[in-house]
Amino acid sequence: MTKADPAVEAILDRVDDPQKRADCREVMAMMAKHTGKPARAFGSGMIGFGRVRYKYPTGTSGETFITGFAPRKNNLTLYALWYQAEDDPLLAQLGKHKRGKGCLYINKLEDVDRDVLDKIIQRSATELEGRFVTEFLED
């Protein structure tokens, strides 16, 4: 994997735990593989891949990444669950995790099945139905 941009490296440099930093790099590789896009910093703490514009039926619009994550103190927060149902079979096979609206929380990669996580990330990066994407933006 090529070295990420300086803003991404700054986010990773703030991760004190060497194992969590290695987990971040592994998640980055999965996301880069499935999006075909380089890692970019979004704000001061999120790492995203690709850029899209969206517009909700309510009229709310903005710009975000196709998929991404944030290294938090207690976990890795993956922004990859845009549409998965509560009974999603991949989530049932994943291993130890929590989920929120649009997020997947993993304490460490050794807690989950990496192949299943890779499939979830692939789906997140390629199936955009229901995500109200109006335009893909250049990196």
C-alpha atoms as a PDB file:
ATOM      1  CA  MET A   1       0.000   0.000   0.000  1.00  0.00           C
ATOM      2  CA  THR A   2       1.300   3.450  -0.823  1.00  0.00           C
ATOM      3  CA  LYS A   3       1.788   5.991   1.915  1.00  0.00           C
ATOM      4  CA  ALA A   4      -1.380   7.934   2.671  1.00  0.00           C
ATOM      5  CA  ASP A   5      -1.621  11.705   2.455  1.00  0.00           C
ATOM      6  CA  PRO A   6      -0.217  13.723   5.383  1.00  0.00           C
ATOM      7  CA  ALA A   7      -3.642  14.497   6.887  1.00  0.00           C
ATOM      8  CA  VAL A   8      -4.488  10.779   6.988  1.00  0.00           C
ATOM      9  CA  GLU A   9      -1.097  10.005   8.509  1.00  0.00           C
ATOM     10  CA  ALA A  10      -1.727  12.681  11.159  1.00  0.00           C
ATOM     11  CA  ILE A  11      -4.962  10.930  12.149  1.00  0.00           C
ATOM     12  CA  LEU A  12      -3.177   7.585  12.365  1.00  0.00           C
ATOM     13  CA  ASP A  13      -0.270   9.094  14.311  1.00  0.00           C
ATOM     14  CA  ARG A  14      -2.726  10.089  17.069  1.00  0.00           C
ATOM     15  CA  VAL A  15      -3.638   6.417  17.609  1.00  0.00           C
ATOM     16  CA  ASP A  16      -1.512   5.444  20.609  1.00  0.00           C
ATOM     17  CA  ASP A  17      -2.052   1.688  20.519  1.00  0.00           C
ATOM     18  CA  PRO A  18       0.214   0.050  17.888  1.00  0.00           C
ATOM     19  CA  GLN A  19      -2.279  -2.806  17.334  1.00  0.00           C
ATOM     20  CA  LYS A  20      -5.154  -0.392  16.769  1.00  0.00           C
ATOM     21  CA  ARG A  21      -2.966   1.562  14.313  1.00  0.00           C
ATOM     22  CA  ALA A  22      -2.234  -1.709  12.464  1.00  0.00           C
ATOM     23  CA  ASP A  23      -5.968  -2.500  12.459  1.00  0.00           C
ATOM     24  CA  CYS A  24      -6.616   0.931  10.929  1.00  0.00           C
ATOM     25  CA  ARG A  25      -4.142   0.243   8.149  1.00  0.00           C
ATOM     26  CA  GLU A  26      -5.763  -3.117   7.448  1.00  0.00           C
ATOM     27  CA  VAL A  27      -9.228  -1.513   7.235  1.00  0.00           C
ATOM     28  CA  MET A  28      -7.744   1.188   4.986  1.00  0.00           C
ATOM     29  CA  ALA A  29      -6.409  -1.462   2.621  1.00  0.00           C
ATOM     30  CA  MET A  30      -9.821  -3.142   2.411  1.00  0.00           C
ATOM     31  CA  MET A  31     -11.594   0.142   1.731  1.00  0.00           C
ATOM     32  CA  ALA A  32      -9.047   1.246  -0.871  1.00  0.00           C
ATOM     33  CA  LYS A  33      -9.316  -2.134  -2.610  1.00  0.00           C
ATOM     34  CA  HIS A  34     -13.096  -1.972  -2.878  1.00  0.00           C
ATOM     35  CA  THR A  35     -13.485   1.705  -3.763  1.00  0.00           C
ATOM     36  CA  GLY A  36     -10.412   2.074  -5.960  1.00  0.00           C
ATOM     37  CA  LYS A  37      -9.919   5.424  -4.216  1.00  0.00           C
ATOM     38  CA  PRO A  38      -7.137   6.735  -1.995  1.00  0.00           C
ATOM     39  CA  ALA A  39      -7.631   7.510   1.687  1.00  0.00           C
ATOM     40  CA  ARG A  40      -8.549  11.122   2.448  1.00  0.00           C
ATOM     41  CA  ALA A  41      -9.033  12.892   5.742  1.00  0.00           C
ATOM     42  CA  PHE A  42     -12.557  14.123   6.359  1.00  0.00           C
ATOM     43  CA  GLY A  43     -12.442  16.563   9.211  1.00  0.00           C
ATOM     44  CA  SER A  44      -9.858  15.968  11.886  1.00  0.00           C
ATOM     45  CA  GLY A  45     -10.655  12.364  12.727  1.00  0.00           C
ATOM     46  CA  MET A  46     -12.328  10.472   9.898  1.00  0.00           C
ATOM     47  CA  ILE A  47     -10.692   8.682   6.979  1.00  0.00           C
ATOM     48  CA  GLY A  48     -12.820   8.230   3.900  1.00  0.00           C
ATOM     49  CA  PHE A  49     -12.603   6.758   0.418  1.00  0.00           C
ATOM     50  CA  GLY A  50     -14.171   8.418  -2.590  1.00  0.00           C
ATOM     51  CA  ARG A  51     -16.414  11.455  -2.475  1.00  0.00           C
ATOM     52  CA  VAL A  52     -20.081  11.760  -3.322  1.00  0.00           C
ATOM     53  CA  ARG A  53     -22.816  14.324  -3.112  1.00  0.00           C
ATOM     54  CA  TYR A  54     -26.108  13.217  -1.631  1.00  0.00           C
ATOM     55  CA  LYS A  55     -29.576  14.671  -1.277  1.00  0.00           C
ATOM     56  CA  TYR A  56     -32.249  13.252   1.018  1.00  0.00           C
ATOM     57  CA  PRO A  57     -35.959  13.496   0.198  1.00  0.00           C
ATOM     58  CA  THR A  58     -36.197  16.113   2.971  1.00  0.00           C
ATOM     59  CA  GLY A  59     -33.947  18.400   0.923  1.00  0.00           C
ATOM     60  CA  THR A  60     -30.924  17.990   3.169  1.00  0.00           C
ATOM     61  CA  SER A  61     -27.809  17.611   1.036  1.00  0.00           C
ATOM     62  CA  GLY A  62     -24.078  17.460   1.449  1.00  0.00           C
ATOM     63  CA  GLU A  63     -20.853  15.732   0.599  1.00  0.00           C
ATOM     64  CA  THR A  64     -19.449  12.610   2.192  1.00  0.00           C
ATOM     65  CA  PHE A  65     -17.315   9.575   1.451  1.00  0.00           C
ATOM     66  CA  ILE A  66     -18.444   6.318  -0.119  1.00  0.00           C
ATOM     67  CA  THR A  67     -17.135   4.397   2.862  1.00  0.00           C
ATOM     68  CA  GLY A  68     -14.787   5.280   5.693  1.00  0.00           C
ATOM     69  CA  PHE A  69     -13.849   4.898   9.323  1.00  0.00           C
ATOM     70  CA  ALA A  70     -12.650   6.742  12.385  1.00  0.00           C
ATOM     71  CA  PRO A  71     -10.185   5.444  14.952  1.00  0.00           C
ATOM     72  CA  ARG A  72     -11.810   6.262  18.295  1.00  0.00           C
ATOM     73  CA  LYS A  73     -10.394   5.733  21.757  1.00  0.00           C
ATOM     74  CA  ASN A  74     -12.541   2.677  22.493  1.00  0.00           C
ATOM     75  CA  ASN A  75     -13.131   1.260  19.022  1.00  0.00           C
ATOM     76  CA  LEU A  76     -12.909   1.572  15.278  1.00  0.00           C
ATOM     77  CA  THR A  77     -16.051   3.180  13.937  1.00  0.00           C
ATOM     78  CA  LEU A  78     -16.743   2.039  10.383  1.00  0.00           C
ATOM     79  CA  TYR A  79     -19.159   4.060   8.313  1.00  0.00           C
ATOM     80  CA  ALA A  80     -20.211   1.125   6.184  1.00  0.00           C
ATOM     81  CA  LEU A  81     -23.720   0.120   7.216  1.00  0.00           C
ATOM     82  CA  TRP A  82     -25.921   2.446   5.234  1.00  0.00           C
ATOM     83  CA  TYR A  83     -28.755   0.038   4.619  1.00  0.00           C
ATOM     84  CA  GLN A  84     -28.161  -3.309   6.279  1.00  0.00           C
ATOM     85  CA  ALA A  85     -31.190  -4.844   7.968  1.00  0.00           C
ATOM     86  CA  GLU A  86     -31.148  -5.933  11.597  1.00  0.00           C
ATOM     87  CA  ASP A  87     -31.170  -9.565  10.459  1.00  0.00           C
ATOM     88  CA  ASP A  88     -28.328  -9.148   7.949  1.00  0.00           C
ATOM     89  CA  PRO A  89     -26.622 -12.561   7.604  1.00  0.00           C
ATOM     90  CA  LEU A  90     -23.163 -10.999   7.244  1.00  0.00           C
ATOM     91  CA  LEU A  91     -23.541  -9.161  10.537  1.00  0.00           C
ATOM     92  CA  ALA A  92     -24.608 -12.417  12.170  1.00  0.00           C
ATOM     93  CA  GLN A  93     -21.342 -13.997  10.972  1.00  0.00           C
ATOM     94  CA  LEU A  94     -19.069 -11.035  11.728  1.00  0.00           C
ATOM     95  CA  GLY A  95     -18.201 -11.659  15.352  1.00  0.00           C
ATOM     96  CA  LYS A  96     -18.072  -9.224  18.257  1.00  0.00           C
ATOM     97  CA  HIS A  97     -19.394  -5.835  17.179  1.00  0.00           C
ATOM     98  CA  LYS A  98     -22.001  -3.206  17.881  1.00  0.00           C
ATOM     99  CA  ARG A  99     -23.923  -1.196  15.371  1.00  0.00           C
ATOM    100  CA  GLY A 100     -25.513   2.172  15.261  1.00  0.00           C
ATOM    101  CA  LYS A 101     -27.381   4.048  12.600  1.00  0.00           C
ATOM    102  CA  GLY A 102     -25.027   3.758   9.636  1.00  0.00           C
ATOM    103  CA  CYS A 103     -22.086   2.655  11.787  1.00  0.00           C
ATOM    104  CA  LEU A 104     -20.305  -0.501  12.795  1.00  0.00           C
ATOM    105  CA  TYR A 105     -18.256  -0.466  15.999  1.00  0.00           C
ATOM    106  CA  ILE A 106     -15.389  -2.931  16.368  1.00  0.00           C
ATOM    107  CA  ASN A 107     -13.049  -2.953  19.344  1.00  0.00           C
ATOM    108  CA  LYS A 108     -10.266  -4.766  17.489  1.00  0.00           C
ATOM    109  CA  LEU A 109     -10.003  -6.777  14.297  1.00  0.00           C
ATOM    110  CA  GLU A 110      -9.129  -9.963  16.147  1.00  0.00           C
ATOM    111  CA  ASP A 111     -12.724  -9.894  17.474  1.00  0.00           C
ATOM    112  CA  VAL A 112     -14.230 -10.288  14.001  1.00  0.00           C
ATOM    113  CA  ASP A 113     -14.013 -12.517  10.964  1.00  0.00           C
ATOM    114  CA  ARG A 114     -11.869 -10.481   8.567  1.00  0.00           C
ATOM    115  CA  ASP A 115     -13.312 -12.173   5.465  1.00  0.00           C
ATOM    116  CA  VAL A 116     -16.830 -11.242   6.542  1.00  0.00           C
ATOM    117  CA  LEU A 117     -15.712  -7.687   7.321  1.00  0.00           C
ATOM    118  CA  ASP A 118     -14.154  -7.495   3.867  1.00  0.00           C
ATOM    119  CA  LYS A 119     -17.501  -8.541   2.318  1.00  0.00           C
ATOM    120  CA  ILE A 120     -19.355  -5.898   4.347  1.00  0.00           C
ATOM    121  CA  ILE A 121     -16.895  -3.225   3.216  1.00  0.00           C
ATOM    122  CA  GLN A 122     -17.170  -4.398  -0.393  1.00  0.00           C
ATOM    123  CA  ARG A 123     -20.945  -4.167  -0.257  1.00  0.00           C
ATOM    124  CA  SER A 124     -20.750  -0.746   1.359  1.00  0.00           C
ATOM    125  CA  ALA A 125     -18.433   0.491  -1.393  1.00  0.00           C
ATOM    126  CA  THR A 126     -20.370  -0.884  -4.336  1.00  0.00           C
ATOM    127  CA  GLU A 127     -24.071  -0.988  -3.471  1.00  0.00           C
ATOM    128  CA  LEU A 128     -25.213   2.614  -3.278  1.00  0.00           C
ATOM    129  CA  GLU A 129     -28.954   2.051  -3.671  1.00  0.00           C
ATOM    130  CA  GLY A 130     -30.910   3.891  -1.008  1.00  0.00           C
ATOM    131  CA  ARG A 131     -28.042   6.230  -0.208  1.00  0.00           C
ATOM    132  CA  PHE A 132     -29.392   9.181  -2.193  1.00  0.00           C
ATOM    133  CA  VAL A 133     -26.140   9.693  -4.111  1.00  0.00           C
ATOM    134  CA  THR A 134     -26.576  12.397  -6.728  1.00  0.00           C
ATOM    135  CA  GLU A 135     -23.019  12.762  -7.990  1.00  0.00           C
ATOM    136  CA  PHE A 136     -19.583  11.182  -7.746  1.00  0.00           C
ATOM    137  CA  LEU A 137     -16.841  13.738  -7.196  1.00  0.00           C
ATOM    138  CA  GLU A 138     -13.234  13.653  -8.292  1.00  0.00           C
ATOM    139  CA  ASP A 139     -10.625  13.043  -5.608  1.00  0.00           C
END
